[in-house]
Amino acid sequence: METYSLLRSFADSWMLLVLTLFFVGVVFWAWRPGSRRAHEDAANAIFRHERKPAGDDWESASEEARK
């Protein structure tokens, strides 16, 4: 069996299964119960420094935004 045929049969069978399971895993990871805070933080990131500019210390600025 030549290399192309071997890789083609692998891609048609097992790689399809692996990529499908990977996709399902990513969807479950995104919709897990503990991810609400991360999604809300990402959604509100553009409003984080709306009232005043960000300071030089990014860590303290992000902690203030979380409060």
PDB file of N, CA and C in Angstrom:
ATOM      1  N   MET A   1       0.857  -1.175   0.000  1.00  0.00           N
ATOM      2  CA  MET A   1       0.000   0.000   0.000  1.00  0.00           C
ATOM      3  C   MET A   1       0.902   1.236   0.000  1.00  0.00           C
ATOM      4  N   GLU A   2       0.620   2.130  -0.884  1.00  0.00           N
ATOM      5  CA  GLU A   2       1.457   3.330  -0.952  1.00  0.00           C
ATOM      6  C   GLU A   2       1.057   4.322   0.144  1.00  0.00           C
ATOM      7  N   THR A   3       1.906   5.272   0.378  1.00  0.00           N
ATOM      8  CA  THR A   3       1.729   6.211   1.490  1.00  0.00           C
ATOM      9  C   THR A   3       0.442   7.020   1.352  1.00  0.00           C
ATOM     10  N   TYR A   4       0.146   7.491   0.158  1.00  0.00           N
ATOM     11  CA  TYR A   4      -1.055   8.301  -0.033  1.00  0.00           C
ATOM     12  C   TYR A   4      -2.313   7.521   0.331  1.00  0.00           C
ATOM     13  N   SER A   5      -2.416   6.307  -0.110  1.00  0.00           N
ATOM     14  CA  SER A   5      -3.599   5.483   0.180  1.00  0.00           C
ATOM     15  C   SER A   5      -3.722   5.198   1.667  1.00  0.00           C
ATOM     16  N   LEU A   6      -2.589   4.956   2.318  1.00  0.00           N
ATOM     17  CA  LEU A   6      -2.604   4.702   3.752  1.00  0.00           C
ATOM     18  C   LEU A   6      -3.083   5.936   4.518  1.00  0.00           C
ATOM     19  N   LEU A   7      -2.527   7.095   4.192  1.00  0.00           N
ATOM     20  CA  LEU A   7      -2.940   8.327   4.870  1.00  0.00           C
ATOM     21  C   LEU A   7      -4.380   8.696   4.544  1.00  0.00           C
ATOM     22  N   ARG A   8      -4.804   8.437   3.336  1.00  0.00           N
ATOM     23  CA  ARG A   8      -6.181   8.736   2.943  1.00  0.00           C
ATOM     24  C   ARG A   8      -7.173   7.863   3.712  1.00  0.00           C
ATOM     25  N   SER A   9      -6.863   6.601   3.860  1.00  0.00           N
ATOM     26  CA  SER A   9      -7.776   5.726   4.609  1.00  0.00           C
ATOM     27  C   SER A   9      -7.781   6.089   6.087  1.00  0.00           C
ATOM     28  N   PHE A  10      -6.623   6.501   6.636  1.00  0.00           N
ATOM     29  CA  PHE A  10      -6.569   6.950   8.025  1.00  0.00           C
ATOM     30  C   PHE A  10      -7.391   8.217   8.220  1.00  0.00           C
ATOM     31  N   ALA A  11      -7.267   9.167   7.300  1.00  0.00           N
ATOM     32  CA  ALA A  11      -8.014  10.419   7.404  1.00  0.00           C
ATOM     33  C   ALA A  11      -9.514  10.189   7.253  1.00  0.00           C
ATOM     34  N   ASP A  12      -9.900   9.273   6.404  1.00  0.00           N
ATOM     35  CA  ASP A  12     -11.324   8.998   6.195  1.00  0.00           C
ATOM     36  C   ASP A  12     -11.975   8.306   7.376  1.00  0.00           C
ATOM     37  N   SER A  13     -11.216   7.583   8.156  1.00  0.00           N
ATOM     38  CA  SER A  13     -11.839   6.821   9.240  1.00  0.00           C
ATOM     39  C   SER A  13     -11.523   7.417  10.610  1.00  0.00           C
ATOM     40  N   TRP A  14     -10.317   7.270  11.074  1.00  0.00           N
ATOM     41  CA  TRP A  14      -9.979   7.627  12.447  1.00  0.00           C
ATOM     42  C   TRP A  14      -9.843   9.125  12.653  1.00  0.00           C
ATOM     43  N   MET A  15      -9.287   9.832  11.702  1.00  0.00           N
ATOM     44  CA  MET A  15      -9.117  11.274  11.893  1.00  0.00           C
ATOM     45  C   MET A  15     -10.474  11.977  11.925  1.00  0.00           C
ATOM     46  N   LEU A  16     -11.430  11.508  11.162  1.00  0.00           N
ATOM     47  CA  LEU A  16     -12.778  12.066  11.230  1.00  0.00           C
ATOM     48  C   LEU A  16     -13.361  11.887  12.621  1.00  0.00           C
ATOM     49  N   LEU A  17     -13.167  10.736  13.205  1.00  0.00           N
ATOM     50  CA  LEU A  17     -13.641  10.479  14.559  1.00  0.00           C
ATOM     51  C   LEU A  17     -12.922  11.371  15.571  1.00  0.00           C
ATOM     52  N   VAL A  18     -11.613  11.505  15.450  1.00  0.00           N
ATOM     53  CA  VAL A  18     -10.833  12.332  16.374  1.00  0.00           C
ATOM     54  C   VAL A  18     -11.260  13.797  16.288  1.00  0.00           C
ATOM     55  N   LEU A  19     -11.413  14.319  15.103  1.00  0.00           N
ATOM     56  CA  LEU A  19     -11.809  15.725  14.942  1.00  0.00           C
ATOM     57  C   LEU A  19     -13.241  15.964  15.405  1.00  0.00           C
ATOM     58  N   THR A  20     -14.120  15.000  15.212  1.00  0.00           N
ATOM     59  CA  THR A  20     -15.485  15.134  15.711  1.00  0.00           C
ATOM     60  C   THR A  20     -15.496  15.167  17.231  1.00  0.00           C
ATOM     61  N   LEU A  21     -14.736  14.285  17.869  1.00  0.00           N
ATOM     62  CA  LEU A  21     -14.651  14.289  19.331  1.00  0.00           C
ATOM     63  C   LEU A  21     -14.005  15.572  19.847  1.00  0.00           C
ATOM     64  N   PHE A  22     -13.018  16.086  19.139  1.00  0.00           N
ATOM     65  CA  PHE A  22     -12.390  17.349  19.517  1.00  0.00           C
ATOM     66  C   PHE A  22     -13.405  18.494  19.454  1.00  0.00           C
ATOM     67  N   PHE A  23     -14.203  18.546  18.398  1.00  0.00           N
ATOM     68  CA  PHE A  23     -15.226  19.575  18.251  1.00  0.00           C
ATOM     69  C   PHE A  23     -16.254  19.495  19.376  1.00  0.00           C
ATOM     70  N   VAL A  24     -16.720  18.302  19.675  1.00  0.00           N
ATOM     71  CA  VAL A  24     -17.694  18.123  20.750  1.00  0.00           C
ATOM     72  C   VAL A  24     -17.079  18.534  22.088  1.00  0.00           C
ATOM     73  N   GLY A  25     -15.805  18.205  22.303  1.00  0.00           N
ATOM     74  CA  GLY A  25     -15.122  18.605  23.531  1.00  0.00           C
ATOM     75  C   GLY A  25     -15.006  20.114  23.661  1.00  0.00           C
ATOM     76  N   VAL A  26     -14.703  20.800  22.583  1.00  0.00           N
ATOM     77  CA  VAL A  26     -14.604  22.263  22.613  1.00  0.00           C
ATOM     78  C   VAL A  26     -15.960  22.887  22.910  1.00  0.00           C
ATOM     79  N   VAL A  27     -17.011  22.354  22.330  1.00  0.00           N
ATOM     80  CA  VAL A  27     -18.357  22.874  22.591  1.00  0.00           C
ATOM     81  C   VAL A  27     -18.736  22.665  24.053  1.00  0.00           C
ATOM     82  N   PHE A  28     -18.478  21.487  24.577  1.00  0.00           N
ATOM     83  CA  PHE A  28     -18.775  21.241  25.993  1.00  0.00           C
ATOM     84  C   PHE A  28     -17.930  22.118  26.898  1.00  0.00           C
ATOM     85  N   TRP A  29     -16.671  22.348  26.533  1.00  0.00           N
ATOM     86  CA  TRP A  29     -15.795  23.199  27.341  1.00  0.00           C
ATOM     87  C   TRP A  29     -16.309  24.644  27.347  1.00  0.00           C
ATOM     88  N   ALA A  30     -16.785  25.126  26.221  1.00  0.00           N
ATOM     89  CA  ALA A  30     -17.280  26.500  26.148  1.00  0.00           C
ATOM     90  C   ALA A  30     -18.586  26.671  26.925  1.00  0.00           C
ATOM     91  N   TRP A  31     -19.410  25.636  26.998  1.00  0.00           N
ATOM     92  CA  TRP A  31     -20.711  25.734  27.665  1.00  0.00           C
ATOM     93  C   TRP A  31     -20.710  25.134  29.068  1.00  0.00           C
ATOM     94  N   ARG A  32     -19.529  24.875  29.623  1.00  0.00           N
ATOM     95  CA  ARG A  32     -19.474  24.301  30.967  1.00  0.00           C
ATOM     96  C   ARG A  32     -19.999  25.305  31.992  1.00  0.00           C
ATOM     97  N   PRO A  33     -20.527  24.844  33.102  1.00  0.00           N
ATOM     98  CA  PRO A  33     -21.137  25.747  34.087  1.00  0.00           C
ATOM     99  C   PRO A  33     -20.166  26.777  34.664  1.00  0.00           C
ATOM    100  N   GLY A  34     -18.898  26.459  34.834  1.00  0.00           N
ATOM    101  CA  GLY A  34     -17.956  27.377  35.456  1.00  0.00           C
ATOM    102  C   GLY A  34     -17.410  28.450  34.529  1.00  0.00           C
ATOM    103  N   SER A  35     -17.805  28.466  33.269  1.00  0.00           N
ATOM    104  CA  SER A  35     -17.221  29.408  32.325  1.00  0.00           C
ATOM    105  C   SER A  35     -18.000  30.717  32.208  1.00  0.00           C
ATOM    106  N   ARG A  36     -19.076  30.868  32.945  1.00  0.00           N
ATOM    107  CA  ARG A  36     -19.894  32.077  32.832  1.00  0.00           C
ATOM    108  C   ARG A  36     -19.091  33.332  33.150  1.00  0.00           C
ATOM    109  N   ARG A  37     -18.278  33.282  34.195  1.00  0.00           N
ATOM    110  CA  ARG A  37     -17.506  34.464  34.592  1.00  0.00           C
ATOM    111  C   ARG A  37     -16.489  34.842  33.508  1.00  0.00           C
ATOM    112  N   ALA A  38     -15.843  33.858  32.921  1.00  0.00           N
ATOM    113  CA  ALA A  38     -14.867  34.131  31.870  1.00  0.00           C
ATOM    114  C   ALA A  38     -15.540  34.752  30.647  1.00  0.00           C
ATOM    115  N   HIS A  39     -16.719  34.261  30.291  1.00  0.00           N
ATOM    116  CA  HIS A  39     -17.431  34.809  29.137  1.00  0.00           C
ATOM    117  C   HIS A  39     -17.931  36.224  29.419  1.00  0.00           C
ATOM    118  N   GLU A  40     -18.403  36.466  30.629  1.00  0.00           N
ATOM    119  CA  GLU A  40     -18.848  37.818  30.979  1.00  0.00           C
ATOM    120  C   GLU A  40     -17.673  38.791  30.997  1.00  0.00           C
ATOM    121  N   ASP A  41     -16.520  38.343  31.491  1.00  0.00           N
ATOM    122  CA  ASP A  41     -15.330  39.191  31.501  1.00  0.00           C
ATOM    123  C   ASP A  41     -14.898  39.526  30.074  1.00  0.00           C
ATOM    124  N   ALA A  42     -14.926  38.555  29.184  1.00  0.00           N
ATOM    125  CA  ALA A  42     -14.558  38.796  27.791  1.00  0.00           C
ATOM    126  C   ALA A  42     -15.557  39.722  27.103  1.00  0.00           C
ATOM    127  N   ALA A  43     -16.840  39.570  27.415  1.00  0.00           N
ATOM    128  CA  ALA A  43     -17.862  40.406  26.798  1.00  0.00           C
ATOM    129  C   ALA A  43     -17.766  41.855  27.255  1.00  0.00           C
ATOM    130  N   ASN A  44     -17.343  42.067  28.500  1.00  0.00           N
ATOM    131  CA  ASN A  44     -17.271  43.429  29.043  1.00  0.00           C
ATOM    132  C   ASN A  44     -15.880  44.026  28.985  1.00  0.00           C
ATOM    133  N   ALA A  45     -14.943  43.385  28.337  1.00  0.00           N
ATOM    134  CA  ALA A  45     -13.558  43.862  28.290  1.00  0.00           C
ATOM    135  C   ALA A  45     -13.449  45.219  27.600  1.00  0.00           C
ATOM    136  N   ILE A  46     -14.282  45.485  26.608  1.00  0.00           N
ATOM    137  CA  ILE A  46     -14.177  46.758  25.902  1.00  0.00           C
ATOM    138  C   ILE A  46     -14.662  47.925  26.754  1.00  0.00           C
ATOM    139  N   PHE A  47     -15.395  47.658  27.806  1.00  0.00           N
ATOM    140  CA  PHE A  47     -15.897  48.713  28.681  1.00  0.00           C
ATOM    141  C   PHE A  47     -15.068  48.860  29.956  1.00  0.00           C
ATOM    142  N   ARG A  48     -13.977  48.119  30.062  1.00  0.00           N
ATOM    143  CA  ARG A  48     -13.222  48.041  31.294  1.00  0.00           C
ATOM    144  C   ARG A  48     -12.680  49.400  31.734  1.00  0.00           C
ATOM    145  N   HIS A  49     -12.180  50.210  30.832  1.00  0.00           N
ATOM    146  CA  HIS A  49     -11.576  51.497  31.178  1.00  0.00           C
ATOM    147  C   HIS A  49     -12.362  52.631  30.520  1.00  0.00           C
ATOM    148  N   GLU A  50     -13.653  52.562  30.620  1.00  0.00           N
ATOM    149  CA  GLU A  50     -14.494  53.542  29.961  1.00  0.00           C
ATOM    150  C   GLU A  50     -14.431  54.906  30.643  1.00  0.00           C
ATOM    151  N   ARG A  51     -14.339  54.941  31.956  1.00  0.00           N
ATOM    152  CA  ARG A  51     -14.374  56.203  32.694  1.00  0.00           C
ATOM    153  C   ARG A  51     -13.021  56.892  32.790  1.00  0.00           C
ATOM    154  N   LYS A  52     -11.945  56.097  32.823  1.00  0.00           N
ATOM    155  CA  LYS A  52     -10.605  56.682  32.900  1.00  0.00           C
ATOM    156  C   LYS A  52      -9.635  55.758  32.173  1.00  0.00           C
ATOM    157  N   PRO A  53      -8.509  56.300  31.731  1.00  0.00           N
ATOM    158  CA  PRO A  53      -7.546  55.464  31.000  1.00  0.00           C
ATOM    159  C   PRO A  53      -6.935  54.400  31.913  1.00  0.00           C
ATOM    160  N   ALA A  54      -6.453  53.371  31.299  1.00  0.00           N
ATOM    161  CA  ALA A  54      -5.800  52.305  32.043  1.00  0.00           C
ATOM    162  C   ALA A  54      -4.502  52.826  32.638  1.00  0.00           C
ATOM    163  N   GLY A  55      -4.180  52.354  33.820  1.00  0.00           N
ATOM    164  CA  GLY A  55      -2.945  52.754  34.465  1.00  0.00           C
ATOM    165  C   GLY A  55      -1.751  51.988  33.924  1.00  0.00           C
ATOM    166  N   ASP A  56      -0.585  52.281  34.492  1.00  0.00           N
ATOM    167  CA  ASP A  56       0.624  51.583  34.071  1.00  0.00           C
ATOM    168  C   ASP A  56       0.658  50.156  34.588  1.00  0.00           C
ATOM    169  N   ASP A  57       0.017  49.915  35.702  1.00  0.00           N
ATOM    170  CA  ASP A  57       0.004  48.589  36.309  1.00  0.00           C
ATOM    171  C   ASP A  57      -1.231  47.832  35.822  1.00  0.00           C
ATOM    172  N   TRP A  58      -1.051  46.946  34.848  1.00  0.00           N
ATOM    173  CA  TRP A  58      -2.177  46.238  34.246  1.00  0.00           C
ATOM    174  C   TRP A  58      -2.826  45.264  35.216  1.00  0.00           C
ATOM    175  N   GLU A  59      -2.054  44.676  36.107  1.00  0.00           N
ATOM    176  CA  GLU A  59      -2.629  43.707  37.035  1.00  0.00           C
ATOM    177  C   GLU A  59      -3.601  44.365  37.994  1.00  0.00           C
ATOM    178  N   SER A  60      -3.243  45.507  38.542  1.00  0.00           N
ATOM    179  CA  SER A  60      -4.158  46.179  39.472  1.00  0.00           C
ATOM    180  C   SER A  60      -5.377  46.719  38.721  1.00  0.00           C
ATOM    181  N   ALA A  61      -5.179  47.125  37.469  1.00  0.00           N
ATOM    182  CA  ALA A  61      -6.306  47.625  36.687  1.00  0.00           C
ATOM    183  C   ALA A  61      -7.299  46.506  36.398  1.00  0.00           C
ATOM    184  N   SER A  62      -6.793  45.311  36.092  1.00  0.00           N
ATOM    185  CA  SER A  62      -7.716  44.208  35.820  1.00  0.00           C
ATOM    186  C   SER A  62      -8.400  43.744  37.107  1.00  0.00           C
ATOM    187  N   GLU A  63      -7.731  43.839  38.238  1.00  0.00           N
ATOM    188  CA  GLU A  63      -8.360  43.478  39.509  1.00  0.00           C
ATOM    189  C   GLU A  63      -9.466  44.469  39.865  1.00  0.00           C
ATOM    190  N   GLU A  64      -9.257  45.741  39.570  1.00  0.00           N
ATOM    191  CA  GLU A  64     -10.283  46.738  39.838  1.00  0.00           C
ATOM    192  C   GLU A  64     -11.497  46.520  38.961  1.00  0.00           C
ATOM    193  N   ALA A  65     -11.271  46.087  37.733  1.00  0.00           N
ATOM    194  CA  ALA A  65     -12.383  45.853  36.815  1.00  0.00           C
ATOM    195  C   ALA A  65     -13.213  44.650  37.237  1.00  0.00           C
ATOM    196  N   ARG A  66     -12.609  43.698  37.898  1.00  0.00           N
ATOM    197  CA  ARG A  66     -13.341  42.508  38.332  1.00  0.00           C
ATOM    198  C   ARG A  66     -14.236  42.773  39.526  1.00  0.00           C
ATOM    199  N   LYS A  67     -13.951  43.848  40.276  1.00  0.00           N
ATOM    200  CA  LYS A  67     -14.728  44.146  41.491  1.00  0.00           C
ATOM    201  C   LYS A  67     -16.074  44.703  41.185  1.00  0.00           C
TER     202      LYS A  67
END
